[in-house]
């Protein structure tokens, strides 16, 4: 199984799953109120309004987080990963994963400090990631902040924001055995995942629906 993120998680959901997700959303509403954020309710989307975004497995998200921690620490992107390297073995990323969000928040907190397999981002503006055992997955992020943070990475990569993640150029870069020598194509998987996150955050904000990690 791999990681997918979904906007419109209740579209075509069965009754049992809907009941479970509604309970999650009730907890989220409580957490937002305690954090002083504005209220939020998941809208009833029609079938064509939601979408699912593929992350190239759990490792795809970690490759993007690796770029983010290095960019935050040094202002520069790290060298691309080799074919035998894993993003989670990066010492800087490992160190950040064992920490909790600080005050003031860092430039990529909502991207980095979140479960990689469950939980939600909601289209509400709040600065600090909500870390609470009542939050599904332990963290609640803002899709508004996620969009801002992903755009920072897109800019650093030199990645055109309007690129289709399913285009031949993006797929080709992501599937290349060896990284390209220049441009965003050096980071093919990261660019693909960034575009998927970007589209998911935009759709979440446009529809008012949460991003769900599944």
N, C-alpha and C. Protein backbone atom coordinates (compact mmCIF):
# COMPACT_ATOMS: atom_id res chain seq x y z
N UNK A 1 0.83 -1.20 0.00
CA UNK A 1 0.00 0.00 0.00
C UNK A 1 0.87 1.25 0.00
N UNK A 2 0.39 2.29 -0.64
CA UNK A 2 1.11 3.54 -0.68
C UNK A 2 0.27 4.67 -0.15
N UNK A 3 0.91 5.80 0.04
CA UNK A 3 0.22 6.96 0.57
C UNK A 3 -0.55 7.68 -0.53
N UNK A 4 -1.79 8.00 -0.24
CA UNK A 4 -2.59 8.88 -1.08
C UNK A 4 -3.15 10.00 -0.21
N UNK A 5 -3.38 11.15 -0.81
CA UNK A 5 -4.08 12.20 -0.09
C UNK A 5 -5.34 12.53 -0.87
N UNK A 6 -6.40 12.76 -0.15
CA UNK A 6 -7.72 12.91 -0.75
C UNK A 6 -8.37 14.19 -0.31
N UNK A 7 -8.95 14.91 -1.23
CA UNK A 7 -9.81 16.05 -0.94
C UNK A 7 -11.23 15.62 -1.30
N UNK A 8 -12.13 15.69 -0.31
CA UNK A 8 -13.48 15.17 -0.51
C UNK A 8 -13.57 13.73 -0.07
N UNK A 9 -13.04 13.46 1.13
CA UNK A 9 -12.91 12.09 1.61
C UNK A 9 -14.27 11.41 1.82
N UNK A 10 -15.34 12.19 1.95
CA UNK A 10 -16.66 11.60 2.18
C UNK A 10 -17.44 11.33 0.88
N UNK A 11 -16.89 11.75 -0.24
CA UNK A 11 -17.57 11.52 -1.50
C UNK A 11 -17.66 10.01 -1.76
N UNK A 12 -18.87 9.51 -1.92
CA UNK A 12 -19.13 8.09 -2.19
C UNK A 12 -18.67 7.16 -1.07
N UNK A 13 -18.48 7.68 0.13
CA UNK A 13 -18.07 6.83 1.25
C UNK A 13 -19.27 6.05 1.79
N UNK A 14 -19.02 4.84 2.31
CA UNK A 14 -20.11 4.07 2.89
C UNK A 14 -20.45 4.61 4.28
N UNK A 15 -21.54 4.12 4.85
CA UNK A 15 -22.06 4.69 6.09
C UNK A 15 -21.09 4.54 7.25
N UNK A 16 -20.44 3.38 7.37
CA UNK A 16 -19.53 3.15 8.49
C UNK A 16 -18.32 4.08 8.41
N UNK A 17 -17.76 4.22 7.21
CA UNK A 17 -16.60 5.10 7.05
C UNK A 17 -17.00 6.56 7.28
N UNK A 18 -18.17 6.94 6.78
CA UNK A 18 -18.65 8.31 6.98
C UNK A 18 -18.80 8.62 8.46
N UNK A 19 -19.33 7.66 9.21
CA UNK A 19 -19.50 7.87 10.65
C UNK A 19 -18.15 8.07 11.34
N UNK A 20 -17.15 7.28 10.94
CA UNK A 20 -15.82 7.41 11.54
C UNK A 20 -15.20 8.76 11.21
N UNK A 21 -15.30 9.18 9.94
CA UNK A 21 -14.70 10.45 9.53
C UNK A 21 -15.43 11.63 10.17
N UNK A 22 -16.74 11.54 10.28
CA UNK A 22 -17.49 12.61 10.96
C UNK A 22 -17.03 12.76 12.41
N UNK A 23 -16.71 11.66 13.06
CA UNK A 23 -16.19 11.73 14.42
C UNK A 23 -14.83 12.44 14.44
N UNK A 24 -13.99 12.13 13.43
CA UNK A 24 -12.71 12.85 13.31
C UNK A 24 -12.95 14.35 13.15
N UNK A 25 -13.91 14.71 12.31
CA UNK A 25 -14.17 16.12 12.05
C UNK A 25 -14.72 16.84 13.28
N UNK A 26 -15.48 16.12 14.11
CA UNK A 26 -15.96 16.71 15.36
C UNK A 26 -14.79 17.03 16.28
N UNK A 27 -13.82 16.11 16.35
CA UNK A 27 -12.62 16.37 17.16
C UNK A 27 -11.83 17.55 16.62
N UNK A 28 -11.75 17.63 15.30
CA UNK A 28 -11.03 18.74 14.67
C UNK A 28 -11.70 20.07 14.99
N UNK A 29 -13.00 20.13 14.94
CA UNK A 29 -13.72 21.37 15.26
C UNK A 29 -13.43 21.81 16.69
N UNK A 30 -13.38 20.85 17.59
CA UNK A 30 -13.05 21.17 18.99
C UNK A 30 -11.64 21.72 19.11
N UNK A 31 -10.70 21.09 18.41
CA UNK A 31 -9.31 21.53 18.47
C UNK A 31 -9.14 22.92 17.88
N UNK A 32 -9.82 23.20 16.78
CA UNK A 32 -9.74 24.53 16.18
C UNK A 32 -10.28 25.59 17.13
N UNK A 33 -11.37 25.27 17.82
CA UNK A 33 -11.93 26.22 18.77
C UNK A 33 -10.97 26.50 19.92
N UNK A 34 -10.34 25.46 20.43
CA UNK A 34 -9.39 25.63 21.53
C UNK A 34 -8.17 26.42 21.09
N UNK A 35 -7.81 26.32 19.80
CA UNK A 35 -6.64 27.04 19.28
C UNK A 35 -6.98 28.48 18.89
N UNK A 36 -8.25 28.86 18.99
CA UNK A 36 -8.65 30.21 18.63
C UNK A 36 -8.79 30.42 17.14
N UNK A 37 -8.83 29.34 16.36
CA UNK A 37 -8.99 29.45 14.91
C UNK A 37 -10.48 29.54 14.57
N UNK A 38 -10.77 29.96 13.36
CA UNK A 38 -12.17 30.07 12.96
C UNK A 38 -12.79 28.68 12.81
N UNK A 39 -14.12 28.64 12.89
CA UNK A 39 -14.82 27.38 12.76
C UNK A 39 -14.74 26.82 11.35
N UNK A 40 -14.94 25.53 11.23
CA UNK A 40 -14.88 24.88 9.94
C UNK A 40 -15.80 23.66 9.93
N UNK A 41 -16.48 23.44 8.82
CA UNK A 41 -17.33 22.27 8.63
C UNK A 41 -17.05 21.68 7.26
N UNK A 42 -16.88 20.40 7.17
CA UNK A 42 -16.65 19.74 5.89
C UNK A 42 -17.89 19.89 5.01
N UNK A 43 -17.73 20.40 3.80
CA UNK A 43 -18.87 20.57 2.91
C UNK A 43 -19.29 19.23 2.29
N UNK A 44 -20.51 19.18 1.80
CA UNK A 44 -20.98 18.02 1.05
C UNK A 44 -20.64 18.21 -0.42
N UNK A 45 -19.57 17.58 -0.85
CA UNK A 45 -19.12 17.74 -2.23
C UNK A 45 -19.83 16.76 -3.15
N UNK A 46 -20.05 17.20 -4.37
CA UNK A 46 -20.54 16.29 -5.40
C UNK A 46 -19.40 15.41 -5.87
N UNK A 47 -19.75 14.34 -6.57
CA UNK A 47 -18.75 13.35 -6.96
C UNK A 47 -17.58 13.91 -7.74
N UNK A 48 -17.82 14.87 -8.62
CA UNK A 48 -16.75 15.39 -9.45
C UNK A 48 -15.92 16.48 -8.80
N UNK A 49 -16.25 16.87 -7.58
CA UNK A 49 -15.55 17.98 -6.93
C UNK A 49 -14.34 17.54 -6.11
N UNK A 50 -14.32 16.29 -5.68
CA UNK A 50 -13.19 15.80 -4.92
C UNK A 50 -12.13 15.19 -5.83
N UNK A 51 -11.00 14.83 -5.24
CA UNK A 51 -9.92 14.23 -6.03
C UNK A 51 -8.95 13.53 -5.10
N UNK A 52 -8.22 12.57 -5.67
CA UNK A 52 -7.18 11.87 -4.94
C UNK A 52 -5.84 12.15 -5.60
N UNK A 53 -4.80 12.28 -4.78
CA UNK A 53 -3.48 12.65 -5.27
C UNK A 53 -2.47 11.62 -4.78
N UNK A 54 -1.73 11.03 -5.71
CA UNK A 54 -0.80 9.96 -5.38
C UNK A 54 0.56 10.54 -5.00
N UNK A 55 1.18 9.97 -3.96
CA UNK A 55 2.40 10.53 -3.40
C UNK A 55 3.66 9.73 -3.70
N UNK A 56 3.57 8.74 -4.59
CA UNK A 56 4.71 7.84 -4.85
C UNK A 56 5.17 7.16 -3.57
N UNK A 57 4.21 6.60 -2.87
CA UNK A 57 4.52 5.89 -1.63
C UNK A 57 4.81 6.85 -0.49
N UNK A 58 5.04 6.26 0.67
CA UNK A 58 5.36 7.08 1.83
C UNK A 58 6.71 7.79 1.64
N UNK A 59 7.61 7.15 0.91
CA UNK A 59 8.95 7.73 0.73
C UNK A 59 8.90 9.02 -0.06
N UNK A 60 7.91 9.17 -0.95
CA UNK A 60 7.81 10.40 -1.74
C UNK A 60 7.64 11.62 -0.87
N UNK A 61 6.78 11.52 0.14
CA UNK A 61 6.58 12.65 1.05
C UNK A 61 7.85 12.95 1.83
N UNK A 62 8.57 11.92 2.24
CA UNK A 62 9.80 12.15 3.01
C UNK A 62 10.88 12.83 2.16
N UNK A 63 10.91 12.54 0.86
CA UNK A 63 11.90 13.21 0.03
C UNK A 63 11.65 14.72 -0.02
N UNK A 64 10.37 15.11 -0.05
CA UNK A 64 10.04 16.53 -0.06
C UNK A 64 10.37 17.16 1.29
N UNK A 65 10.07 16.46 2.35
CA UNK A 65 10.39 16.99 3.69
C UNK A 65 11.90 17.15 3.86
N UNK A 66 12.67 16.26 3.26
CA UNK A 66 14.13 16.40 3.32
C UNK A 66 14.58 17.70 2.67
N UNK A 67 14.03 18.02 1.52
CA UNK A 67 14.36 19.29 0.89
C UNK A 67 14.00 20.46 1.80
N UNK A 68 12.84 20.37 2.44
CA UNK A 68 12.36 21.47 3.26
C UNK A 68 13.27 21.73 4.46
N UNK A 69 13.71 20.68 5.14
CA UNK A 69 14.54 20.91 6.33
C UNK A 69 15.89 21.49 5.94
N UNK A 70 16.44 21.09 4.81
CA UNK A 70 17.72 21.65 4.39
C UNK A 70 17.55 23.10 3.94
N UNK A 71 16.48 23.38 3.23
CA UNK A 71 16.24 24.75 2.79
C UNK A 71 16.04 25.67 3.99
N UNK A 72 15.33 25.18 5.02
CA UNK A 72 15.12 25.98 6.22
C UNK A 72 16.42 26.20 6.98
N UNK A 73 17.29 25.21 7.00
CA UNK A 73 18.52 25.29 7.79
C UNK A 73 19.61 26.11 7.11
N UNK A 74 19.72 26.00 5.79
CA UNK A 74 20.86 26.61 5.10
C UNK A 74 20.48 27.56 3.98
N UNK A 75 19.21 27.54 3.59
CA UNK A 75 18.79 28.35 2.45
C UNK A 75 19.10 27.70 1.12
N UNK A 76 19.62 26.46 1.15
CA UNK A 76 19.98 25.76 -0.07
C UNK A 76 19.35 24.37 -0.09
N UNK A 77 19.12 23.87 -1.28
CA UNK A 77 18.64 22.50 -1.43
C UNK A 77 19.81 21.53 -1.28
N UNK A 78 19.58 20.35 -0.70
CA UNK A 78 20.66 19.36 -0.64
C UNK A 78 20.88 18.72 -2.00
N UNK A 79 21.94 17.96 -2.12
CA UNK A 79 22.17 17.21 -3.34
C UNK A 79 21.06 16.16 -3.50
N UNK A 80 20.71 15.81 -4.73
CA UNK A 80 19.69 14.77 -4.91
C UNK A 80 20.10 13.46 -4.25
N UNK A 81 19.11 12.69 -3.83
CA UNK A 81 19.38 11.39 -3.25
C UNK A 81 19.92 10.44 -4.31
N UNK A 82 20.85 9.60 -3.91
CA UNK A 82 21.31 8.54 -4.79
C UNK A 82 20.30 7.40 -4.81
N UNK A 83 20.45 6.52 -5.77
CA UNK A 83 19.49 5.42 -5.92
C UNK A 83 19.47 4.49 -4.72
N UNK A 84 20.55 4.46 -3.95
CA UNK A 84 20.63 3.58 -2.78
C UNK A 84 20.41 4.33 -1.47
N UNK A 85 19.94 5.58 -1.53
CA UNK A 85 19.75 6.39 -0.34
C UNK A 85 18.26 6.57 -0.04
N UNK A 86 17.96 6.70 1.26
CA UNK A 86 16.59 6.96 1.72
C UNK A 86 16.54 8.32 2.40
N UNK A 87 15.48 9.06 2.13
CA UNK A 87 15.35 10.38 2.73
C UNK A 87 15.34 10.31 4.25
N UNK A 88 14.72 9.28 4.81
CA UNK A 88 14.60 9.18 6.27
C UNK A 88 15.93 8.90 6.95
N UNK A 89 16.97 8.54 6.18
CA UNK A 89 18.31 8.36 6.76
C UNK A 89 19.08 9.67 6.85
N UNK A 90 18.52 10.73 6.29
CA UNK A 90 19.18 12.03 6.34
C UNK A 90 19.26 12.50 7.80
N UNK A 91 20.45 12.80 8.32
CA UNK A 91 20.59 13.17 9.73
C UNK A 91 19.76 14.40 10.11
N UNK A 92 19.71 15.39 9.24
CA UNK A 92 18.98 16.61 9.57
C UNK A 92 17.48 16.32 9.63
N UNK A 93 16.97 15.54 8.69
CA UNK A 93 15.55 15.19 8.72
C UNK A 93 15.23 14.33 9.94
N UNK A 94 16.10 13.39 10.25
CA UNK A 94 15.88 12.55 11.43
C UNK A 94 15.82 13.37 12.70
N UNK A 95 16.68 14.38 12.79
CA UNK A 95 16.68 15.25 13.97
C UNK A 95 15.39 16.04 14.08
N UNK A 96 14.91 16.56 12.97
CA UNK A 96 13.66 17.33 12.99
C UNK A 96 12.48 16.43 13.35
N UNK A 97 12.49 15.20 12.88
CA UNK A 97 11.39 14.28 13.16
C UNK A 97 11.28 13.95 14.65
N UNK A 98 12.36 14.08 15.39
CA UNK A 98 12.30 13.79 16.82
C UNK A 98 11.98 15.03 17.65
N UNK A 99 11.78 16.17 16.99
CA UNK A 99 11.47 17.41 17.69
C UNK A 99 9.99 17.73 17.54
N UNK A 100 9.55 18.73 18.25
CA UNK A 100 8.18 19.21 18.13
C UNK A 100 8.21 20.63 17.58
N UNK A 101 7.13 21.09 16.96
CA UNK A 101 7.12 22.46 16.42
C UNK A 101 7.43 23.48 17.50
N UNK A 102 8.22 24.47 17.13
CA UNK A 102 8.63 25.49 18.09
C UNK A 102 7.84 26.77 17.88
N UNK A 103 8.05 27.72 18.76
CA UNK A 103 7.42 29.03 18.67
C UNK A 103 8.55 30.07 18.58
N UNK A 104 8.61 30.89 17.54
CA UNK A 104 7.65 30.97 16.43
C UNK A 104 7.78 29.78 15.49
N UNK A 105 6.72 29.51 14.70
CA UNK A 105 6.76 28.35 13.81
C UNK A 105 7.81 28.52 12.72
N UNK A 106 8.36 27.39 12.27
CA UNK A 106 9.33 27.41 11.20
C UNK A 106 8.66 27.56 9.84
N UNK A 107 9.46 27.72 8.80
CA UNK A 107 8.90 27.99 7.46
C UNK A 107 8.21 26.79 6.81
N UNK A 108 8.42 25.58 7.37
CA UNK A 108 7.82 24.39 6.76
C UNK A 108 7.16 23.48 7.79
N UNK A 109 6.69 24.05 8.89
CA UNK A 109 6.16 23.23 9.98
C UNK A 109 4.97 22.37 9.55
N UNK A 110 4.06 22.93 8.76
CA UNK A 110 2.85 22.18 8.42
C UNK A 110 3.17 21.03 7.46
N UNK A 111 4.17 21.19 6.64
CA UNK A 111 4.61 20.12 5.76
C UNK A 111 5.33 19.02 6.53
N UNK A 112 6.19 19.42 7.46
CA UNK A 112 7.09 18.47 8.11
C UNK A 112 6.45 17.80 9.32
N UNK A 113 5.82 18.59 10.18
CA UNK A 113 5.31 18.06 11.44
C UNK A 113 3.88 17.57 11.24
N UNK A 114 3.77 16.39 10.70
CA UNK A 114 2.47 15.77 10.43
C UNK A 114 2.72 14.29 10.21
N UNK A 115 1.74 13.48 10.53
CA UNK A 115 1.84 12.06 10.24
C UNK A 115 2.04 11.84 8.73
N UNK A 116 2.72 10.76 8.39
CA UNK A 116 2.89 10.45 6.97
C UNK A 116 1.88 9.41 6.49
N UNK A 117 0.91 9.06 7.33
CA UNK A 117 -0.02 7.99 6.93
C UNK A 117 -1.46 8.23 7.35
N UNK A 118 -1.73 9.24 8.16
CA UNK A 118 -3.10 9.51 8.58
C UNK A 118 -3.22 10.96 9.04
N UNK A 119 -4.45 11.39 9.25
CA UNK A 119 -4.68 12.75 9.72
C UNK A 119 -5.16 13.66 8.62
N UNK A 120 -5.25 14.95 8.96
CA UNK A 120 -5.91 15.90 8.07
C UNK A 120 -5.20 17.25 8.04
N UNK A 121 -5.42 17.95 6.93
CA UNK A 121 -5.19 19.39 6.81
C UNK A 121 -6.55 20.01 6.52
N UNK A 122 -6.86 21.12 7.19
CA UNK A 122 -8.14 21.78 6.95
C UNK A 122 -7.90 23.18 6.40
N UNK A 123 -8.82 23.67 5.55
CA UNK A 123 -8.63 24.98 4.90
C UNK A 123 -8.94 26.15 5.83
N UNK A 124 -8.19 26.21 6.90
CA UNK A 124 -8.31 27.26 7.91
C UNK A 124 -6.91 27.79 8.17
N UNK A 125 -6.77 29.09 8.28
CA UNK A 125 -5.48 29.70 8.55
C UNK A 125 -5.17 29.64 10.04
N UNK A 126 -4.09 28.96 10.40
CA UNK A 126 -3.55 29.02 11.76
C UNK A 126 -2.05 28.76 11.67
N UNK A 127 -1.30 29.49 12.47
CA UNK A 127 0.15 29.51 12.32
C UNK A 127 0.82 28.24 12.82
N UNK A 128 0.40 27.75 13.98
CA UNK A 128 1.06 26.62 14.60
C UNK A 128 0.35 25.32 14.28
N UNK A 129 1.12 24.31 13.89
CA UNK A 129 0.56 22.97 13.77
C UNK A 129 -0.04 22.58 15.12
N UNK A 130 -1.24 22.03 15.09
CA UNK A 130 -1.90 21.59 16.32
C UNK A 130 -1.44 20.17 16.62
N UNK A 131 -0.73 20.03 17.73
CA UNK A 131 -0.23 18.73 18.17
C UNK A 131 -1.05 18.31 19.37
N UNK A 132 -1.84 17.27 19.21
CA UNK A 132 -2.77 16.87 20.27
C UNK A 132 -3.18 15.42 20.05
N UNK A 133 -3.27 14.67 21.12
CA UNK A 133 -3.66 13.27 20.98
C UNK A 133 -5.08 13.11 20.46
N UNK A 134 -5.88 14.16 20.57
CA UNK A 134 -7.24 14.10 20.03
C UNK A 134 -7.29 14.33 18.52
N UNK A 135 -6.19 14.80 17.95
CA UNK A 135 -6.12 14.99 16.51
C UNK A 135 -5.84 13.65 15.85
N UNK A 136 -6.61 13.25 14.85
CA UNK A 136 -6.30 12.00 14.15
C UNK A 136 -4.87 12.02 13.63
N UNK A 137 -4.09 11.02 13.99
CA UNK A 137 -2.69 10.99 13.61
C UNK A 137 -1.80 11.82 14.51
N UNK A 138 -2.40 12.53 15.47
CA UNK A 138 -1.61 13.31 16.43
C UNK A 138 -1.32 14.74 16.01
N UNK A 139 -1.57 15.07 14.75
CA UNK A 139 -1.29 16.41 14.24
C UNK A 139 -2.46 16.89 13.39
N UNK A 140 -2.70 18.20 13.43
CA UNK A 140 -3.67 18.83 12.54
C UNK A 140 -2.97 19.98 11.84
N UNK A 141 -2.97 19.96 10.51
CA UNK A 141 -2.33 21.01 9.75
C UNK A 141 -3.32 21.89 9.02
N UNK A 142 -2.84 23.01 8.54
CA UNK A 142 -3.63 23.96 7.75
C UNK A 142 -3.27 23.79 6.28
N UNK A 143 -4.27 23.55 5.44
CA UNK A 143 -3.98 23.46 4.00
C UNK A 143 -3.62 24.82 3.43
N UNK A 144 -4.03 25.90 4.11
CA UNK A 144 -3.61 27.25 3.70
C UNK A 144 -2.10 27.37 3.88
N UNK A 145 -1.61 26.96 5.03
CA UNK A 145 -0.17 26.99 5.29
C UNK A 145 0.58 25.99 4.41
N UNK A 146 -0.02 24.84 4.19
CA UNK A 146 0.62 23.84 3.35
C UNK A 146 0.85 24.39 1.94
N UNK A 147 -0.12 25.13 1.43
CA UNK A 147 0.04 25.73 0.10
C UNK A 147 1.20 26.72 0.09
N UNK A 148 1.28 27.58 1.09
CA UNK A 148 2.36 28.55 1.18
C UNK A 148 3.72 27.86 1.27
N UNK A 149 3.80 26.84 2.09
CA UNK A 149 5.07 26.15 2.29
C UNK A 149 5.50 25.38 1.04
N UNK A 150 4.54 24.74 0.38
CA UNK A 150 4.88 24.02 -0.85
C UNK A 150 5.32 24.98 -1.93
N UNK A 151 4.70 26.15 -1.99
CA UNK A 151 5.12 27.15 -2.98
C UNK A 151 6.56 27.59 -2.74
N UNK A 152 7.00 27.65 -1.50
CA UNK A 152 8.39 27.99 -1.22
C UNK A 152 9.33 26.95 -1.82
N UNK A 153 8.96 25.70 -1.70
CA UNK A 153 9.77 24.63 -2.28
C UNK A 153 9.75 24.68 -3.80
N UNK A 154 8.58 24.90 -4.36
CA UNK A 154 8.43 24.98 -5.82
C UNK A 154 9.32 26.09 -6.37
N UNK A 155 9.34 27.22 -5.68
CA UNK A 155 10.18 28.33 -6.11
C UNK A 155 11.66 27.96 -6.03
N UNK A 156 12.05 27.31 -4.93
CA UNK A 156 13.45 26.93 -4.78
C UNK A 156 13.88 25.91 -5.83
N UNK A 157 12.96 25.06 -6.24
CA UNK A 157 13.25 24.06 -7.26
C UNK A 157 13.28 24.66 -8.67
N UNK A 158 12.70 25.85 -8.83
CA UNK A 158 12.52 26.40 -10.18
C UNK A 158 11.48 25.64 -10.95
N UNK A 159 10.49 25.12 -10.23
CA UNK A 159 9.46 24.26 -10.81
C UNK A 159 8.25 25.09 -11.22
N UNK A 160 7.86 25.07 -12.50
CA UNK A 160 6.67 25.83 -12.90
C UNK A 160 5.42 25.31 -12.18
N UNK A 161 4.71 26.20 -11.51
CA UNK A 161 3.57 25.80 -10.69
C UNK A 161 2.44 25.20 -11.52
N UNK A 162 2.35 25.57 -12.78
CA UNK A 162 1.24 25.11 -13.60
C UNK A 162 1.54 23.80 -14.34
N UNK A 163 2.67 23.17 -14.05
CA UNK A 163 2.99 21.90 -14.68
C UNK A 163 2.00 20.82 -14.24
N UNK A 164 1.63 19.96 -15.16
CA UNK A 164 0.78 18.82 -14.85
C UNK A 164 1.65 17.72 -14.26
N UNK A 165 1.38 17.27 -13.01
CA UNK A 165 2.22 16.21 -12.44
C UNK A 165 2.18 14.91 -13.23
N UNK A 166 1.14 14.72 -14.05
CA UNK A 166 1.02 13.50 -14.84
C UNK A 166 1.57 13.68 -16.26
N UNK A 167 2.23 14.79 -16.50
CA UNK A 167 2.79 15.03 -17.82
C UNK A 167 4.01 14.14 -18.05
N UNK A 168 4.36 13.97 -19.32
CA UNK A 168 5.50 13.13 -19.68
C UNK A 168 6.79 13.67 -19.09
N UNK A 169 6.93 15.00 -19.07
CA UNK A 169 8.16 15.60 -18.53
C UNK A 169 8.33 15.28 -17.05
N UNK A 170 7.25 15.41 -16.28
CA UNK A 170 7.35 15.18 -14.84
C UNK A 170 7.53 13.70 -14.55
N UNK A 171 6.74 12.85 -15.20
CA UNK A 171 6.89 11.42 -15.01
C UNK A 171 8.28 10.95 -15.40
N UNK A 172 8.78 11.48 -16.51
CA UNK A 172 10.10 11.09 -16.96
C UNK A 172 11.18 11.44 -15.95
N UNK A 173 11.10 12.62 -15.38
CA UNK A 173 12.08 13.03 -14.37
C UNK A 173 11.97 12.19 -13.11
N UNK A 174 10.74 11.87 -12.71
CA UNK A 174 10.53 11.09 -11.49
C UNK A 174 10.99 9.65 -11.65
N UNK A 175 10.90 9.12 -12.85
CA UNK A 175 11.25 7.72 -13.10
C UNK A 175 12.68 7.53 -13.56
N UNK A 176 13.42 8.62 -13.75
CA UNK A 176 14.79 8.52 -14.26
C UNK A 176 15.68 7.74 -13.28
N UNK A 177 16.53 6.89 -13.81
CA UNK A 177 17.44 6.11 -12.96
C UNK A 177 18.52 6.99 -12.34
N UNK A 178 18.93 8.00 -13.07
CA UNK A 178 19.93 8.95 -12.57
C UNK A 178 19.35 10.36 -12.65
N UNK A 179 19.62 11.21 -11.64
CA UNK A 179 19.09 12.58 -11.69
C UNK A 179 19.62 13.36 -12.87
N UNK A 180 18.82 14.30 -13.35
CA UNK A 180 19.28 15.21 -14.39
C UNK A 180 20.39 16.10 -13.82
N UNK A 181 21.06 16.81 -14.68
CA UNK A 181 22.21 17.61 -14.24
C UNK A 181 21.83 19.03 -13.84
N UNK A 182 20.63 19.46 -14.18
CA UNK A 182 20.25 20.82 -13.82
C UNK A 182 18.73 20.95 -13.77
N UNK A 183 18.28 22.07 -13.16
CA UNK A 183 16.86 22.38 -13.12
C UNK A 183 16.09 21.51 -12.14
N UNK A 184 14.77 21.71 -12.14
CA UNK A 184 13.93 20.94 -11.23
C UNK A 184 13.98 19.45 -11.52
N UNK A 185 14.39 19.09 -12.74
CA UNK A 185 14.46 17.68 -13.11
C UNK A 185 15.49 16.92 -12.29
N UNK A 186 16.42 17.64 -11.63
CA UNK A 186 17.36 16.97 -10.72
C UNK A 186 16.62 16.30 -9.57
N UNK A 187 15.46 16.81 -9.25
CA UNK A 187 14.66 16.31 -8.13
C UNK A 187 13.31 15.83 -8.68
N UNK A 188 13.35 14.76 -9.46
CA UNK A 188 12.15 14.33 -10.16
C UNK A 188 11.03 13.89 -9.26
N UNK A 189 11.32 13.02 -8.30
CA UNK A 189 10.29 12.55 -7.38
C UNK A 189 9.78 13.70 -6.53
N UNK A 190 10.70 14.50 -6.03
CA UNK A 190 10.30 15.63 -5.19
C UNK A 190 9.41 16.61 -5.95
N UNK A 191 9.73 16.85 -7.20
CA UNK A 191 8.93 17.77 -8.01
C UNK A 191 7.54 17.21 -8.24
N UNK A 192 7.46 15.92 -8.53
CA UNK A 192 6.16 15.28 -8.72
C UNK A 192 5.30 15.42 -7.46
N UNK A 193 5.88 15.11 -6.31
CA UNK A 193 5.13 15.16 -5.05
C UNK A 193 4.75 16.59 -4.71
N UNK A 194 5.66 17.54 -4.94
CA UNK A 194 5.34 18.94 -4.68
C UNK A 194 4.13 19.39 -5.50
N UNK A 195 4.09 19.01 -6.77
CA UNK A 195 2.96 19.39 -7.61
C UNK A 195 1.66 18.77 -7.10
N UNK A 196 1.72 17.53 -6.63
CA UNK A 196 0.53 16.89 -6.10
C UNK A 196 0.06 17.60 -4.82
N UNK A 197 0.99 17.93 -3.94
CA UNK A 197 0.63 18.67 -2.72
C UNK A 197 0.04 20.03 -3.06
N UNK A 198 0.64 20.68 -4.04
CA UNK A 198 0.17 22.00 -4.46
C UNK A 198 -1.27 21.92 -4.95
N UNK A 199 -1.56 20.96 -5.81
CA UNK A 199 -2.91 20.81 -6.35
C UNK A 199 -3.90 20.44 -5.25
N UNK A 200 -3.48 19.58 -4.33
CA UNK A 200 -4.37 19.18 -3.24
C UNK A 200 -4.70 20.36 -2.34
N UNK A 201 -3.70 21.17 -2.00
CA UNK A 201 -3.93 22.33 -1.13
C UNK A 201 -4.83 23.35 -1.82
N UNK A 202 -4.60 23.58 -3.10
CA UNK A 202 -5.45 24.51 -3.84
C UNK A 202 -6.90 24.04 -3.87
N UNK A 203 -7.10 22.75 -4.11
CA UNK A 203 -8.46 22.21 -4.17
C UNK A 203 -9.13 22.26 -2.80
N UNK A 204 -8.38 21.99 -1.75
CA UNK A 204 -8.92 22.07 -0.40
C UNK A 204 -9.41 23.48 -0.11
N UNK A 205 -8.62 24.46 -0.45
CA UNK A 205 -9.00 25.86 -0.19
C UNK A 205 -10.19 26.27 -1.05
N UNK A 206 -10.19 25.83 -2.31
CA UNK A 206 -11.27 26.22 -3.23
C UNK A 206 -12.61 25.61 -2.84
N UNK A 207 -12.59 24.37 -2.35
CA UNK A 207 -13.84 23.67 -2.03
C UNK A 207 -14.23 23.78 -0.56
N UNK A 208 -13.26 24.12 0.30
CA UNK A 208 -13.53 24.13 1.73
C UNK A 208 -13.43 22.78 2.37
N UNK A 209 -12.96 21.77 1.62
CA UNK A 209 -12.88 20.41 2.15
C UNK A 209 -11.48 20.12 2.69
N UNK A 210 -11.41 19.19 3.62
CA UNK A 210 -10.15 18.81 4.22
C UNK A 210 -9.32 17.96 3.27
N UNK A 211 -8.00 17.98 3.48
CA UNK A 211 -7.11 17.00 2.88
C UNK A 211 -6.98 15.86 3.88
N UNK A 212 -7.24 14.65 3.43
CA UNK A 212 -7.09 13.47 4.29
C UNK A 212 -5.94 12.63 3.80
N UNK A 213 -5.07 12.20 4.72
CA UNK A 213 -3.99 11.29 4.39
C UNK A 213 -4.46 9.87 4.67
N UNK A 214 -4.33 9.01 3.68
CA UNK A 214 -4.78 7.63 3.83
C UNK A 214 -3.76 6.66 3.24
